[in-house]
Amino acid sequence: MAYDNFLADRIRLCLKEKHISFEEKKMMGGLCFMVEDKMCVGVVKDNLMARIDPDIYDKALQKKGCREMDFTGRPMKGFVFVEPEGIDLDQDLNYWIQLCLKYNPKAKSSKKKQP
């Protein structure tokens, strides 16, 4: 499954402009940007995958292009997909990335697999 390389480049640029240290990992058929070893933001097909504060989840769903992340067949609270029309402008993409970065310090890190 391919992902939108242009969107990935836009995310990279945004994170670099904010002087955020990040690591990229291919997962879920897309690309995930890890900040402080935690899933922060990513690209799945042509959608932005955003990990946001669950407390603002319902409000976020009202934004243009935002929908539940139902990758597993059921919604994952705190994760949303933002379709291209919701991130067309750089200021819109920046808004979502900023929400992800704001939540990142509170997000739980995924458990590392034991070797």
N, C-alpha and C. Protein backbone atom coordinates (compact mmCIF):
# COMPACT_ATOMS: atom_id res chain seq x y z
N MET A 1 0.85 -1.17 0.00
CA MET A 1 0.00 0.00 0.00
C MET A 1 0.90 1.24 0.00
N ALA A 2 0.75 2.08 -0.96
CA ALA A 2 1.57 3.28 -1.08
C ALA A 2 0.98 4.42 -0.24
N TYR A 3 1.83 5.37 0.08
CA TYR A 3 1.37 6.55 0.80
C TYR A 3 1.83 7.78 0.03
N ASP A 4 1.22 8.91 0.33
CA ASP A 4 1.48 10.17 -0.36
C ASP A 4 2.84 10.73 0.07
N ASN A 5 3.83 10.61 -0.82
CA ASN A 5 5.18 11.08 -0.52
C ASN A 5 5.23 12.60 -0.36
N PHE A 6 4.41 13.31 -1.11
CA PHE A 6 4.40 14.77 -1.00
C PHE A 6 3.92 15.20 0.39
N LEU A 7 2.88 14.53 0.91
CA LEU A 7 2.40 14.82 2.26
C LEU A 7 3.49 14.49 3.28
N ALA A 8 4.18 13.38 3.09
CA ALA A 8 5.27 13.02 4.00
C ALA A 8 6.35 14.10 3.99
N ASP A 9 6.68 14.63 2.81
CA ASP A 9 7.67 15.71 2.71
C ASP A 9 7.20 16.97 3.43
N ARG A 10 5.92 17.27 3.31
CA ARG A 10 5.36 18.45 3.99
C ARG A 10 5.45 18.29 5.51
N ILE A 11 5.18 17.08 6.00
CA ILE A 11 5.27 16.84 7.44
C ILE A 11 6.72 16.97 7.90
N ARG A 12 7.65 16.36 7.16
CA ARG A 12 9.08 16.46 7.48
C ARG A 12 9.51 17.92 7.60
N LEU A 13 9.13 18.70 6.61
CA LEU A 13 9.51 20.11 6.58
C LEU A 13 8.94 20.85 7.80
N CYS A 14 7.69 20.60 8.10
CA CYS A 14 7.04 21.25 9.24
C CYS A 14 7.75 20.90 10.55
N LEU A 15 8.06 19.62 10.74
CA LEU A 15 8.75 19.20 11.97
C LEU A 15 10.15 19.80 12.05
N LYS A 16 10.84 19.84 10.91
CA LYS A 16 12.20 20.43 10.90
C LYS A 16 12.15 21.92 11.20
N GLU A 17 11.16 22.61 10.64
CA GLU A 17 11.02 24.05 10.91
C GLU A 17 10.75 24.33 12.38
N LYS A 18 10.12 23.38 13.05
CA LYS A 18 9.83 23.52 14.48
C LYS A 18 10.97 22.99 15.35
N HIS A 19 12.04 22.52 14.69
CA HIS A 19 13.21 21.95 15.37
C HIS A 19 12.85 20.76 16.25
N ILE A 20 11.97 19.92 15.72
CA ILE A 20 11.52 18.72 16.42
C ILE A 20 12.36 17.54 15.95
N SER A 21 12.91 16.82 16.89
CA SER A 21 13.66 15.61 16.57
C SER A 21 12.65 14.48 16.36
N PHE A 22 12.78 13.76 15.25
CA PHE A 22 11.82 12.70 14.95
C PHE A 22 12.50 11.56 14.23
N GLU A 23 11.82 10.44 14.25
CA GLU A 23 12.27 9.23 13.55
C GLU A 23 11.11 8.78 12.67
N GLU A 24 11.42 8.25 11.50
CA GLU A 24 10.38 7.76 10.60
C GLU A 24 10.34 6.24 10.63
N LYS A 25 9.14 5.69 10.66
CA LYS A 25 8.95 4.24 10.63
C LYS A 25 7.83 3.90 9.67
N LYS A 26 8.08 2.94 8.82
CA LYS A 26 7.01 2.46 7.95
C LYS A 26 6.16 1.49 8.76
N MET A 27 4.87 1.78 8.80
CA MET A 27 3.93 0.92 9.53
C MET A 27 2.53 1.16 9.03
N MET A 28 1.67 0.21 9.23
CA MET A 28 0.26 0.30 8.85
C MET A 28 0.11 0.64 7.36
N GLY A 29 1.05 0.21 6.54
CA GLY A 29 0.98 0.49 5.12
C GLY A 29 1.27 1.94 4.79
N GLY A 30 1.79 2.67 5.75
CA GLY A 30 2.09 4.08 5.56
C GLY A 30 3.40 4.44 6.22
N LEU A 31 3.52 5.69 6.60
CA LEU A 31 4.72 6.20 7.23
C LEU A 31 4.33 6.92 8.50
N CYS A 32 5.01 6.58 9.58
CA CYS A 32 4.72 7.20 10.87
C CYS A 32 5.93 8.02 11.32
N PHE A 33 5.66 9.18 11.88
CA PHE A 33 6.70 10.03 12.43
C PHE A 33 6.64 9.89 13.95
N MET A 34 7.73 9.38 14.50
CA MET A 34 7.84 9.14 15.93
C MET A 34 8.55 10.33 16.57
N VAL A 35 7.98 10.86 17.64
CA VAL A 35 8.60 11.94 18.40
C VAL A 35 8.75 11.43 19.82
N GLU A 36 9.97 11.46 20.33
CA GLU A 36 10.28 10.91 21.66
C GLU A 36 9.84 9.46 21.77
N ASP A 37 10.11 8.69 20.71
CA ASP A 37 9.78 7.26 20.64
C ASP A 37 8.29 6.97 20.75
N LYS A 38 7.44 7.95 20.42
CA LYS A 38 6.00 7.76 20.44
C LYS A 38 5.40 8.12 19.09
N MET A 39 4.40 7.34 18.66
CA MET A 39 3.71 7.65 17.43
C MET A 39 3.06 9.02 17.57
N CYS A 40 3.37 9.92 16.65
CA CYS A 40 2.88 11.28 16.76
C CYS A 40 1.96 11.64 15.60
N VAL A 41 2.45 11.49 14.39
CA VAL A 41 1.71 11.87 13.19
C VAL A 41 2.18 10.96 12.06
N GLY A 42 1.34 10.81 11.04
CA GLY A 42 1.76 9.94 9.95
C GLY A 42 0.94 10.13 8.69
N VAL A 43 1.26 9.30 7.71
CA VAL A 43 0.58 9.32 6.42
C VAL A 43 0.10 7.90 6.12
N VAL A 44 -1.19 7.74 5.87
CA VAL A 44 -1.76 6.47 5.44
C VAL A 44 -2.53 6.77 4.15
N LYS A 45 -2.06 6.18 3.06
CA LYS A 45 -2.57 6.51 1.71
C LYS A 45 -2.38 8.00 1.48
N ASP A 46 -3.46 8.74 1.29
CA ASP A 46 -3.31 10.19 1.10
C ASP A 46 -3.89 10.97 2.28
N ASN A 47 -4.06 10.30 3.40
CA ASN A 47 -4.60 10.92 4.61
C ASN A 47 -3.52 11.18 5.64
N LEU A 48 -3.71 12.25 6.39
CA LEU A 48 -2.88 12.50 7.55
C LEU A 48 -3.44 11.67 8.69
N MET A 49 -2.58 10.97 9.41
CA MET A 49 -2.99 10.25 10.61
C MET A 49 -2.48 11.09 11.77
N ALA A 50 -3.38 11.53 12.63
CA ALA A 50 -3.00 12.42 13.72
C ALA A 50 -3.36 11.79 15.06
N ARG A 51 -2.38 11.78 15.96
CA ARG A 51 -2.61 11.32 17.34
C ARG A 51 -2.82 12.56 18.19
N ILE A 52 -4.04 12.72 18.65
CA ILE A 52 -4.42 13.94 19.37
C ILE A 52 -4.95 13.58 20.76
N ASP A 53 -5.09 14.60 21.57
CA ASP A 53 -5.61 14.41 22.93
C ASP A 53 -7.04 13.87 22.85
N PRO A 54 -7.30 12.73 23.50
CA PRO A 54 -8.66 12.19 23.48
C PRO A 54 -9.71 13.17 24.01
N ASP A 55 -9.30 14.13 24.83
CA ASP A 55 -10.24 15.11 25.37
C ASP A 55 -10.79 16.05 24.30
N ILE A 56 -10.07 16.21 23.18
CA ILE A 56 -10.55 17.09 22.11
C ILE A 56 -10.99 16.30 20.87
N TYR A 57 -11.06 15.00 21.02
CA TYR A 57 -11.39 14.10 19.90
C TYR A 57 -12.71 14.47 19.23
N ASP A 58 -13.78 14.61 19.99
CA ASP A 58 -15.09 14.91 19.41
C ASP A 58 -15.10 16.28 18.71
N LYS A 59 -14.44 17.25 19.30
CA LYS A 59 -14.35 18.58 18.69
C LYS A 59 -13.56 18.51 17.39
N ALA A 60 -12.48 17.74 17.38
CA ALA A 60 -11.64 17.61 16.18
C ALA A 60 -12.43 16.99 15.03
N LEU A 61 -13.31 16.06 15.34
CA LEU A 61 -14.09 15.40 14.29
C LEU A 61 -15.00 16.36 13.53
N GLN A 62 -15.23 17.53 14.09
CA GLN A 62 -16.07 18.52 13.42
C GLN A 62 -15.30 19.36 12.41
N LYS A 63 -13.98 19.24 12.40
CA LYS A 63 -13.14 20.01 11.48
C LYS A 63 -13.23 19.43 10.07
N LYS A 64 -13.03 20.29 9.08
CA LYS A 64 -13.10 19.91 7.67
C LYS A 64 -12.12 18.77 7.36
N GLY A 65 -12.64 17.70 6.78
CA GLY A 65 -11.82 16.58 6.33
C GLY A 65 -11.46 15.58 7.41
N CYS A 66 -11.83 15.85 8.65
CA CYS A 66 -11.46 14.97 9.75
C CYS A 66 -12.49 13.86 9.93
N ARG A 67 -11.99 12.67 10.17
CA ARG A 67 -12.90 11.54 10.44
C ARG A 67 -12.21 10.57 11.40
N GLU A 68 -13.00 9.69 11.95
CA GLU A 68 -12.46 8.69 12.88
C GLU A 68 -11.41 7.83 12.17
N MET A 69 -10.37 7.49 12.91
CA MET A 69 -9.39 6.55 12.37
C MET A 69 -9.95 5.16 12.65
N ASP A 70 -10.42 4.53 11.59
CA ASP A 70 -11.05 3.22 11.73
C ASP A 70 -10.21 2.15 11.02
N PHE A 71 -8.91 2.29 11.15
CA PHE A 71 -7.97 1.40 10.46
C PHE A 71 -8.20 -0.06 10.81
N THR A 72 -8.56 -0.32 12.05
CA THR A 72 -8.75 -1.70 12.50
C THR A 72 -10.21 -2.16 12.34
N GLY A 73 -11.05 -1.30 11.79
CA GLY A 73 -12.46 -1.64 11.64
C GLY A 73 -13.33 -1.01 12.71
N ARG A 74 -12.70 -0.47 13.73
CA ARG A 74 -13.45 0.27 14.75
C ARG A 74 -12.65 1.52 15.11
N PRO A 75 -13.33 2.59 15.50
CA PRO A 75 -12.64 3.85 15.78
C PRO A 75 -11.63 3.72 16.92
N MET A 76 -10.53 4.42 16.78
CA MET A 76 -9.50 4.45 17.83
C MET A 76 -9.52 5.85 18.44
N LYS A 77 -10.00 5.95 19.66
CA LYS A 77 -10.10 7.25 20.32
C LYS A 77 -8.71 7.87 20.45
N GLY A 78 -8.61 9.12 20.07
CA GLY A 78 -7.34 9.82 20.13
C GLY A 78 -6.57 9.79 18.82
N PHE A 79 -7.05 9.04 17.85
CA PHE A 79 -6.44 8.99 16.53
C PHE A 79 -7.49 9.38 15.50
N VAL A 80 -7.11 10.27 14.58
CA VAL A 80 -8.02 10.66 13.51
C VAL A 80 -7.29 10.63 12.17
N PHE A 81 -8.07 10.50 11.12
CA PHE A 81 -7.58 10.69 9.77
C PHE A 81 -8.06 12.07 9.32
N VAL A 82 -7.20 12.79 8.63
CA VAL A 82 -7.60 14.04 8.02
C VAL A 82 -7.39 13.89 6.52
N GLU A 83 -8.47 14.00 5.79
CA GLU A 83 -8.43 13.81 4.34
C GLU A 83 -7.80 15.03 3.67
N PRO A 84 -7.34 14.88 2.42
CA PRO A 84 -6.60 15.95 1.74
C PRO A 84 -7.24 17.33 1.80
N GLU A 85 -8.57 17.42 1.69
CA GLU A 85 -9.19 18.76 1.71
C GLU A 85 -9.02 19.46 3.06
N GLY A 86 -8.74 18.71 4.12
CA GLY A 86 -8.55 19.30 5.44
C GLY A 86 -7.12 19.73 5.73
N ILE A 87 -6.21 19.39 4.82
CA ILE A 87 -4.79 19.74 5.03
C ILE A 87 -4.18 20.33 3.77
N ASP A 88 -5.02 20.80 2.89
CA ASP A 88 -4.55 21.35 1.62
C ASP A 88 -3.63 22.55 1.83
N LEU A 89 -4.00 23.42 2.73
CA LEU A 89 -3.19 24.61 3.03
C LEU A 89 -2.14 24.26 4.10
N ASP A 90 -0.97 24.88 3.98
CA ASP A 90 0.09 24.63 4.97
C ASP A 90 -0.35 24.99 6.38
N GLN A 91 -1.16 26.05 6.51
CA GLN A 91 -1.61 26.43 7.85
C GLN A 91 -2.54 25.37 8.45
N ASP A 92 -3.30 24.68 7.60
CA ASP A 92 -4.17 23.60 8.09
C ASP A 92 -3.33 22.41 8.54
N LEU A 93 -2.34 22.04 7.73
CA LEU A 93 -1.44 20.93 8.11
C LEU A 93 -0.72 21.28 9.41
N ASN A 94 -0.24 22.51 9.51
CA ASN A 94 0.46 22.95 10.71
C ASN A 94 -0.44 22.85 11.95
N TYR A 95 -1.72 23.19 11.79
CA TYR A 95 -2.68 23.11 12.89
C TYR A 95 -2.72 21.68 13.44
N TRP A 96 -2.85 20.70 12.55
CA TRP A 96 -2.95 19.30 12.98
C TRP A 96 -1.64 18.81 13.59
N ILE A 97 -0.53 19.18 12.99
CA ILE A 97 0.76 18.75 13.53
C ILE A 97 0.97 19.35 14.91
N GLN A 98 0.57 20.61 15.07
CA GLN A 98 0.70 21.25 16.38
C GLN A 98 -0.15 20.54 17.45
N LEU A 99 -1.37 20.11 17.07
CA LEU A 99 -2.19 19.34 18.02
C LEU A 99 -1.49 18.04 18.42
N CYS A 100 -0.87 17.38 17.45
CA CYS A 100 -0.16 16.13 17.72
C CYS A 100 1.03 16.37 18.65
N LEU A 101 1.80 17.43 18.38
CA LEU A 101 2.97 17.74 19.21
C LEU A 101 2.57 18.16 20.61
N LYS A 102 1.45 18.84 20.73
CA LYS A 102 0.97 19.27 22.06
C LYS A 102 0.60 18.06 22.91
N TYR A 103 0.01 17.04 22.28
CA TYR A 103 -0.41 15.85 23.02
C TYR A 103 0.76 14.89 23.27
N ASN A 104 1.76 14.92 22.43
CA ASN A 104 2.83 13.92 22.49
C ASN A 104 3.45 13.71 23.88
N PRO A 105 3.74 14.77 24.65
CA PRO A 105 4.32 14.52 25.97
C PRO A 105 3.42 13.71 26.91
N LYS A 106 2.09 13.80 26.70
CA LYS A 106 1.15 13.06 27.55
C LYS A 106 0.86 11.66 27.01
N ALA A 107 1.19 11.43 25.74
CA ALA A 107 0.87 10.13 25.10
C ALA A 107 1.71 9.01 25.71
N LYS A 108 1.11 7.85 25.77
CA LYS A 108 1.83 6.69 26.27
C LYS A 108 2.66 6.09 25.15
N SER A 109 3.85 5.68 25.51
CA SER A 109 4.73 5.03 24.54
C SER A 109 4.28 3.59 24.36
N SER A 110 4.38 3.10 23.13
CA SER A 110 4.00 1.70 22.91
C SER A 110 5.06 0.80 23.53
N LYS A 111 4.64 -0.36 23.95
CA LYS A 111 5.56 -1.29 24.59
C LYS A 111 6.53 -1.82 23.56
N LYS A 112 7.81 -1.83 23.94
CA LYS A 112 8.84 -2.38 23.06
C LYS A 112 8.83 -3.89 23.18
N LYS A 113 9.01 -4.56 22.02
CA LYS A 113 9.06 -6.02 22.02
C LYS A 113 10.38 -6.49 22.60
N GLN A 114 10.29 -7.50 23.41
CA GLN A 114 11.49 -8.08 24.00
C GLN A 114 12.25 -8.89 22.95
N PRO A 115 13.58 -8.78 22.90
CA PRO A 115 14.34 -9.56 21.92
C PRO A 115 14.36 -11.03 22.23
